[in-house]
């Protein structure tokens, strides 16, 4: 596996929706990081698509946090 790539990159929506909000947000950020790592390793055209995915994962984390803020 390349830099930053882990078995944690497996995504199962049925498990994701059952996670606590904080863990959902962490998972989104982890997926964004892995997409960025893949972009760095890929050819330009495919890398651009991975960067779109990274931005989408980050946006999802932001939206989840807005809808259900984590109290400190």
PDB file of N, CA and C in Angstrom:
ATOM      1  N   UNK A   1       0.841  -1.184   0.000  1.00  0.00           N
ATOM      2  CA  UNK A   1       0.000   0.000   0.000  1.00  0.00           C
ATOM      3  C   UNK A   1       0.883   1.244   0.000  1.00  0.00           C
ATOM      4  N   UNK A   2       0.398   2.296  -0.626  1.00  0.00           N
ATOM      5  CA  UNK A   2       1.151   3.540  -0.720  1.00  0.00           C
ATOM      6  C   UNK A   2       1.063   4.350   0.565  1.00  0.00           C
ATOM      7  N   UNK A   3       1.652   5.518   0.564  1.00  0.00           N
ATOM      8  CA  UNK A   3       1.626   6.379   1.756  1.00  0.00           C
ATOM      9  C   UNK A   3       0.203   6.744   2.137  1.00  0.00           C
ATOM     10  N   UNK A   4      -0.105   6.583   3.402  1.00  0.00           N
ATOM     11  CA  UNK A   4      -1.422   6.969   3.894  1.00  0.00           C
ATOM     12  C   UNK A   4      -2.522   5.974   3.603  1.00  0.00           C
ATOM     13  N   UNK A   5      -2.254   4.966   2.792  1.00  0.00           N
ATOM     14  CA  UNK A   5      -3.300   4.017   2.419  1.00  0.00           C
ATOM     15  C   UNK A   5      -3.337   2.880   3.429  1.00  0.00           C
ATOM     16  N   UNK A   6      -4.524   2.629   3.941  1.00  0.00           N
ATOM     17  CA  UNK A   6      -4.697   1.620   4.978  1.00  0.00           C
ATOM     18  C   UNK A   6      -5.912   0.762   4.655  1.00  0.00           C
ATOM     19  N   UNK A   7      -6.075  -0.281   5.398  1.00  0.00           N
ATOM     20  CA  UNK A   7      -7.283  -1.085   5.252  1.00  0.00           C
ATOM     21  C   UNK A   7      -8.519  -0.309   5.694  1.00  0.00           C
ATOM     22  N   UNK A   8      -8.315   0.767   6.434  1.00  0.00           N
ATOM     23  CA  UNK A   8      -9.422   1.599   6.889  1.00  0.00           C
ATOM     24  C   UNK A   8     -10.125   2.294   5.728  1.00  0.00           C
ATOM     25  N   UNK A   9      -9.533   2.251   4.539  1.00  0.00           N
ATOM     26  CA  UNK A   9     -10.147   2.915   3.401  1.00  0.00           C
ATOM     27  C   UNK A   9     -11.371   2.157   2.893  1.00  0.00           C
ATOM     28  N   UNK A  10     -11.604   0.951   3.410  1.00  0.00           N
ATOM     29  CA  UNK A  10     -12.840   0.247   3.060  1.00  0.00           C
ATOM     30  C   UNK A  10     -14.006   1.048   3.602  1.00  0.00           C
ATOM     31  N   UNK A  11     -15.013   1.251   2.771  1.00  0.00           N
ATOM     32  CA  UNK A  11     -16.160   2.037   3.212  1.00  0.00           C
ATOM     33  C   UNK A  11     -17.420   1.207   3.081  1.00  0.00           C
ATOM     34  N   UNK A  12     -18.135   1.093   4.185  1.00  0.00           N
ATOM     35  CA  UNK A  12     -19.426   0.404   4.193  1.00  0.00           C
ATOM     36  C   UNK A  12     -20.450   1.372   4.765  1.00  0.00           C
ATOM     37  N   UNK A  13     -21.382   1.766   3.928  1.00  0.00           N
ATOM     38  CA  UNK A  13     -22.365   2.764   4.368  1.00  0.00           C
ATOM     39  C   UNK A  13     -23.171   2.276   5.551  1.00  0.00           C
ATOM     40  N   UNK A  14     -23.483   0.970   5.604  1.00  0.00           N
ATOM     41  CA  UNK A  14     -24.304   0.445   6.692  1.00  0.00           C
ATOM     42  C   UNK A  14     -23.580   0.534   8.038  1.00  0.00           C
ATOM     43  N   UNK A  15     -22.258   0.451   8.022  1.00  0.00           N
ATOM     44  CA  UNK A  15     -21.489   0.642   9.251  1.00  0.00           C
ATOM     45  C   UNK A  15     -21.307   2.132   9.553  1.00  0.00           C
ATOM     46  N   UNK A  16     -21.098   2.921   8.502  1.00  0.00           N
ATOM     47  CA  UNK A  16     -20.860   4.348   8.655  1.00  0.00           C
ATOM     48  C   UNK A  16     -22.023   5.042   9.358  1.00  0.00           C
ATOM     49  N   UNK A  17     -23.251   4.769   8.930  1.00  0.00           N
ATOM     50  CA  UNK A  17     -24.408   5.464   9.511  1.00  0.00           C
ATOM     51  C   UNK A  17     -24.634   5.089  10.966  1.00  0.00           C
ATOM     52  N   UNK A  18     -24.086   3.982  11.418  1.00  0.00           N
ATOM     53  CA  UNK A  18     -24.218   3.570  12.807  1.00  0.00           C
ATOM     54  C   UNK A  18     -23.136   4.124  13.723  1.00  0.00           C
ATOM     55  N   UNK A  19     -22.151   4.795  13.135  1.00  0.00           N
ATOM     56  CA  UNK A  19     -21.061   5.354  13.937  1.00  0.00           C
ATOM     57  C   UNK A  19     -21.519   6.616  14.666  1.00  0.00           C
ATOM     58  N   UNK A  20     -20.911   6.895  15.816  1.00  0.00           N
ATOM     59  CA  UNK A  20     -21.149   8.198  16.449  1.00  0.00           C
ATOM     60  C   UNK A  20     -20.705   9.313  15.487  1.00  0.00           C
ATOM     61  N   UNK A  21     -21.306  10.477  15.625  1.00  0.00           N
ATOM     62  CA  UNK A  21     -21.021  11.599  14.740  1.00  0.00           C
ATOM     63  C   UNK A  21     -19.523  11.896  14.662  1.00  0.00           C
ATOM     64  N   UNK A  22     -18.842  11.928  15.794  1.00  0.00           N
ATOM     65  CA  UNK A  22     -17.400  12.220  15.792  1.00  0.00           C
ATOM     66  C   UNK A  22     -16.638  11.211  14.938  1.00  0.00           C
ATOM     67  N   UNK A  23     -17.032   9.950  15.002  1.00  0.00           N
ATOM     68  CA  UNK A  23     -16.355   8.919  14.215  1.00  0.00           C
ATOM     69  C   UNK A  23     -16.699   9.050  12.727  1.00  0.00           C
ATOM     70  N   UNK A  24     -17.925   9.456  12.416  1.00  0.00           N
ATOM     71  CA  UNK A  24     -18.285   9.697  11.011  1.00  0.00           C
ATOM     72  C   UNK A  24     -17.411  10.805  10.433  1.00  0.00           C
ATOM     73  N   UNK A  25     -17.232  11.866  11.204  1.00  0.00           N
ATOM     74  CA  UNK A  25     -16.411  12.992  10.749  1.00  0.00           C
ATOM     75  C   UNK A  25     -14.963  12.558  10.572  1.00  0.00           C
ATOM     76  N   UNK A  26     -14.428  11.798  11.531  1.00  0.00           N
ATOM     77  CA  UNK A  26     -13.050  11.289  11.416  1.00  0.00           C
ATOM     78  C   UNK A  26     -12.893  10.406  10.178  1.00  0.00           C
ATOM     79  N   UNK A  27     -13.876   9.558   9.922  1.00  0.00           N
ATOM     80  CA  UNK A  27     -13.830   8.665   8.759  1.00  0.00           C
ATOM     81  C   UNK A  27     -13.807   9.482   7.463  1.00  0.00           C
ATOM     82  N   UNK A  28     -14.628  10.524   7.403  1.00  0.00           N
ATOM     83  CA  UNK A  28     -14.647  11.387   6.213  1.00  0.00           C
ATOM     84  C   UNK A  28     -13.289  12.039   5.990  1.00  0.00           C
ATOM     85  N   UNK A  29     -12.696  12.545   7.062  1.00  0.00           N
ATOM     86  CA  UNK A  29     -11.374  13.171   6.937  1.00  0.00           C
ATOM     87  C   UNK A  29     -10.319  12.144   6.530  1.00  0.00           C
ATOM     88  N   UNK A  30     -10.412  10.935   7.051  1.00  0.00           N
ATOM     89  CA  UNK A  30      -9.463   9.881   6.677  1.00  0.00           C
ATOM     90  C   UNK A  30      -9.610   9.527   5.198  1.00  0.00           C
ATOM     91  N   UNK A  31     -10.839   9.445   4.725  1.00  0.00           N
ATOM     92  CA  UNK A  31     -11.074   9.132   3.310  1.00  0.00           C
ATOM     93  C   UNK A  31     -10.559  10.268   2.427  1.00  0.00           C
ATOM     94  N   UNK A  32     -10.725  11.515   2.877  1.00  0.00           N
ATOM     95  CA  UNK A  32     -10.204  12.658   2.121  1.00  0.00           C
ATOM     96  C   UNK A  32      -8.682  12.594   2.026  1.00  0.00           C
ATOM     97  N   UNK A  33      -8.042  12.271   3.130  1.00  0.00           N
ATOM     98  CA  UNK A  33      -6.583  12.161   3.142  1.00  0.00           C
ATOM     99  C   UNK A  33      -6.112  11.068   2.192  1.00  0.00           C
ATOM    100  N   UNK A  34      -6.795   9.949   2.211  1.00  0.00           N
ATOM    101  CA  UNK A  34      -6.395   8.847   1.340  1.00  0.00           C
ATOM    102  C   UNK A  34      -6.611   9.200  -0.124  1.00  0.00           C
ATOM    103  N   UNK A  35      -7.688   9.924  -0.430  1.00  0.00           N
ATOM    104  CA  UNK A  35      -7.919  10.352  -1.808  1.00  0.00           C
ATOM    105  C   UNK A  35      -6.808  11.301  -2.259  1.00  0.00           C
ATOM    106  N   UNK A  36      -6.368  12.196  -1.373  1.00  0.00           N
ATOM    107  CA  UNK A  36      -5.256  13.103  -1.702  1.00  0.00           C
ATOM    108  C   UNK A  36      -3.971  12.313  -1.948  1.00  0.00           C
ATOM    109  N   UNK A  37      -3.728  11.302  -1.124  1.00  0.00           N
ATOM    110  CA  UNK A  37      -2.539  10.464  -1.319  1.00  0.00           C
ATOM    111  C   UNK A  37      -2.589   9.750  -2.664  1.00  0.00           C
ATOM    112  N   UNK A  38      -3.752   9.246  -3.020  1.00  0.00           N
ATOM    113  CA  UNK A  38      -3.909   8.581  -4.316  1.00  0.00           C
ATOM    114  C   UNK A  38      -3.700   9.573  -5.450  1.00  0.00           C
ATOM    115  N   UNK A  39      -4.184  10.798  -5.279  1.00  0.00           N
ATOM    116  CA  UNK A  39      -4.001  11.825  -6.308  1.00  0.00           C
ATOM    117  C   UNK A  39      -2.523  12.072  -6.564  1.00  0.00           C
ATOM    118  N   UNK A  40      -1.748  12.077  -5.501  1.00  0.00           N
ATOM    119  CA  UNK A  40      -0.312  12.324  -5.635  1.00  0.00           C
ATOM    120  C   UNK A  40       0.391  11.207  -6.404  1.00  0.00           C
ATOM    121  N   UNK A  41      -0.161  10.010  -6.349  1.00  0.00           N
ATOM    122  CA  UNK A  41       0.455   8.858  -7.004  1.00  0.00           C
ATOM    123  C   UNK A  41      -0.059   8.621  -8.425  1.00  0.00           C
ATOM    124  N   UNK A  42      -1.185   9.228  -8.766  1.00  0.00           N
ATOM    125  CA  UNK A  42      -1.863   8.935 -10.024  1.00  0.00           C
ATOM    126  C   UNK A  42      -1.425   9.871 -11.152  1.00  0.00           C
ATOM    127  N   UNK A  43      -1.738   9.455 -12.373  1.00  0.00           N
ATOM    128  CA  UNK A  43      -1.569  10.350 -13.514  1.00  0.00           C
ATOM    129  C   UNK A  43      -2.459  11.561 -13.310  1.00  0.00           C
ATOM    130  N   UNK A  44      -2.125  12.661 -13.989  1.00  0.00           N
ATOM    131  CA  UNK A  44      -2.812  13.932 -13.766  1.00  0.00           C
ATOM    132  C   UNK A  44      -4.336  13.835 -13.883  1.00  0.00           C
ATOM    133  N   UNK A  45      -4.859  13.257 -14.947  1.00  0.00           N
ATOM    134  CA  UNK A  45      -6.315  13.217 -15.138  1.00  0.00           C
ATOM    135  C   UNK A  45      -7.006  12.455 -14.012  1.00  0.00           C
ATOM    136  N   UNK A  46      -6.457  11.318 -13.657  1.00  0.00           N
ATOM    137  CA  UNK A  46      -7.046  10.523 -12.578  1.00  0.00           C
ATOM    138  C   UNK A  46      -6.805  11.213 -11.244  1.00  0.00           C
ATOM    139  N   UNK A  47      -5.641  11.815 -11.101  1.00  0.00           N
ATOM    140  CA  UNK A  47      -5.330  12.554  -9.881  1.00  0.00           C
ATOM    141  C   UNK A  47      -6.330  13.675  -9.636  1.00  0.00           C
ATOM    142  N   UNK A  48      -6.738  14.344 -10.705  1.00  0.00           N
ATOM    143  CA  UNK A  48      -7.740  15.405 -10.573  1.00  0.00           C
ATOM    144  C   UNK A  48      -9.064  14.850 -10.028  1.00  0.00           C
ATOM    145  N   UNK A  49      -9.426  13.668 -10.464  1.00  0.00           N
ATOM    146  CA  UNK A  49     -10.664  13.041  -9.978  1.00  0.00           C
ATOM    147  C   UNK A  49     -10.529  12.677  -8.503  1.00  0.00           C
ATOM    148  N   UNK A  50      -9.363  12.149  -8.125  1.00  0.00           N
ATOM    149  CA  UNK A  50      -9.139  11.847  -6.703  1.00  0.00           C
ATOM    150  C   UNK A  50      -9.228  13.118  -5.858  1.00  0.00           C
ATOM    151  N   UNK A  51      -8.748  14.239  -6.380  1.00  0.00           N
ATOM    152  CA  UNK A  51      -8.840  15.493  -5.629  1.00  0.00           C
ATOM    153  C   UNK A  51     -10.295  15.942  -5.478  1.00  0.00           C
ATOM    154  N   UNK A  52     -11.105  15.697  -6.492  1.00  0.00           N
ATOM    155  CA  UNK A  52     -12.542  15.986  -6.379  1.00  0.00           C
ATOM    156  C   UNK A  52     -13.139  15.137  -5.257  1.00  0.00           C
ATOM    157  N   UNK A  53     -12.770  13.869  -5.229  1.00  0.00           N
ATOM    158  CA  UNK A  53     -13.264  12.993  -4.158  1.00  0.00           C
ATOM    159  C   UNK A  53     -12.801  13.488  -2.791  1.00  0.00           C
ATOM    160  N   UNK A  54     -11.565  13.914  -2.699  1.00  0.00           N
ATOM    161  CA  UNK A  54     -11.041  14.428  -1.428  1.00  0.00           C
ATOM    162  C   UNK A  54     -11.859  15.628  -0.961  1.00  0.00           C
ATOM    163  N   UNK A  55     -12.152  16.544  -1.879  1.00  0.00           N
ATOM    164  CA  UNK A  55     -12.953  17.720  -1.514  1.00  0.00           C
ATOM    165  C   UNK A  55     -14.361  17.316  -1.101  1.00  0.00           C
ATOM    166  N   UNK A  56     -14.923  16.303  -1.764  1.00  0.00           N
ATOM    167  CA  UNK A  56     -16.267  15.847  -1.407  1.00  0.00           C
ATOM    168  C   UNK A  56     -16.294  15.207  -0.023  1.00  0.00           C
ATOM    169  N   UNK A  57     -15.285  14.400   0.296  1.00  0.00           N
ATOM    170  CA  UNK A  57     -15.219  13.807   1.633  1.00  0.00           C
ATOM    171  C   UNK A  57     -15.090  14.890   2.700  1.00  0.00           C
ATOM    172  N   UNK A  58     -14.256  15.901   2.425  1.00  0.00           N
ATOM    173  CA  UNK A  58     -14.098  17.002   3.376  1.00  0.00           C
ATOM    174  C   UNK A  58     -15.402  17.783   3.531  1.00  0.00           C
ATOM    175  N   UNK A  59     -16.096  18.015   2.424  1.00  0.00           N
ATOM    176  CA  UNK A  59     -17.377  18.724   2.474  1.00  0.00           C
ATOM    177  C   UNK A  59     -18.409  17.923   3.263  1.00  0.00           C
ATOM    178  N   UNK A  60     -18.409  16.614   3.088  1.00  0.00           N
ATOM    179  CA  UNK A  60     -19.346  15.772   3.841  1.00  0.00           C
ATOM    180  C   UNK A  60     -19.067  15.877   5.332  1.00  0.00           C
ATOM    181  N   UNK A  61     -17.805  15.858   5.716  1.00  0.00           N
ATOM    182  CA  UNK A  61     -17.449  16.008   7.136  1.00  0.00           C
ATOM    183  C   UNK A  61     -17.978  17.331   7.671  1.00  0.00           C
ATOM    184  N   UNK A  62     -17.804  18.389   6.909  1.00  0.00           N
ATOM    185  CA  UNK A  62     -18.280  19.712   7.324  1.00  0.00           C
ATOM    186  C   UNK A  62     -19.789  19.732   7.481  1.00  0.00           C
ATOM    187  N   UNK A  63     -20.498  19.155   6.535  1.00  0.00           N
ATOM    188  CA  UNK A  63     -21.960  19.134   6.597  1.00  0.00           C
ATOM    189  C   UNK A  63     -22.482  18.296   7.759  1.00  0.00           C
ATOM    190  N   UNK A  64     -21.833  17.179   8.020  1.00  0.00           N
ATOM    191  CA  UNK A  64     -22.236  16.344   9.166  1.00  0.00           C
ATOM    192  C   UNK A  64     -22.057  17.135  10.450  1.00  0.00           C
ATOM    193  N   UNK A  65     -20.926  17.816  10.551  1.00  0.00           N
ATOM    194  CA  UNK A  65     -20.652  18.582  11.769  1.00  0.00           C
ATOM    195  C   UNK A  65     -21.643  19.742  11.939  1.00  0.00           C
ATOM    196  N   UNK A  66     -22.012  20.393  10.821  1.00  0.00           N
ATOM    197  CA  UNK A  66     -22.991  21.486  10.887  1.00  0.00           C
ATOM    198  C   UNK A  66     -24.352  20.979  11.328  1.00  0.00           C
ATOM    199  N   UNK A  67     -24.732  19.813  10.830  1.00  0.00           N
ATOM    200  CA  UNK A  67     -26.067  19.294  11.132  1.00  0.00           C
ATOM    201  C   UNK A  67     -26.177  18.760  12.549  1.00  0.00           C
ATOM    202  N   UNK A  68     -25.065  18.253  13.063  1.00  0.00           N
ATOM    203  CA  UNK A  68     -25.060  17.708  14.429  1.00  0.00           C
ATOM    204  C   UNK A  68     -23.730  18.059  15.082  1.00  0.00           C
ATOM    205  N   UNK A  69     -23.592  19.312  15.529  1.00  0.00           N
ATOM    206  CA  UNK A  69     -22.314  19.727  16.115  1.00  0.00           C
ATOM    207  C   UNK A  69     -21.917  18.851  17.299  1.00  0.00           C
ATOM    208  N   UNK A  70     -20.628  18.632  17.405  1.00  0.00           N
ATOM    209  CA  UNK A  70     -20.082  17.837  18.496  1.00  0.00           C
ATOM    210  C   UNK A  70     -19.885  18.799  19.685  1.00  0.00           C
ATOM    211  N   UNK A  71     -20.477  18.473  20.798  1.00  0.00           N
ATOM    212  CA  UNK A  71     -20.291  19.334  21.977  1.00  0.00           C
ATOM    213  C   UNK A  71     -19.006  18.924  22.695  1.00  0.00           C
ATOM    214  N   UNK A  72     -18.313  19.933  23.165  1.00  0.00           N
ATOM    215  CA  UNK A  72     -17.029  19.688  23.835  1.00  0.00           C
ATOM    216  C   UNK A  72     -17.227  19.303  25.272  1.00  0.00           C
TER     217      UNK A  72
END
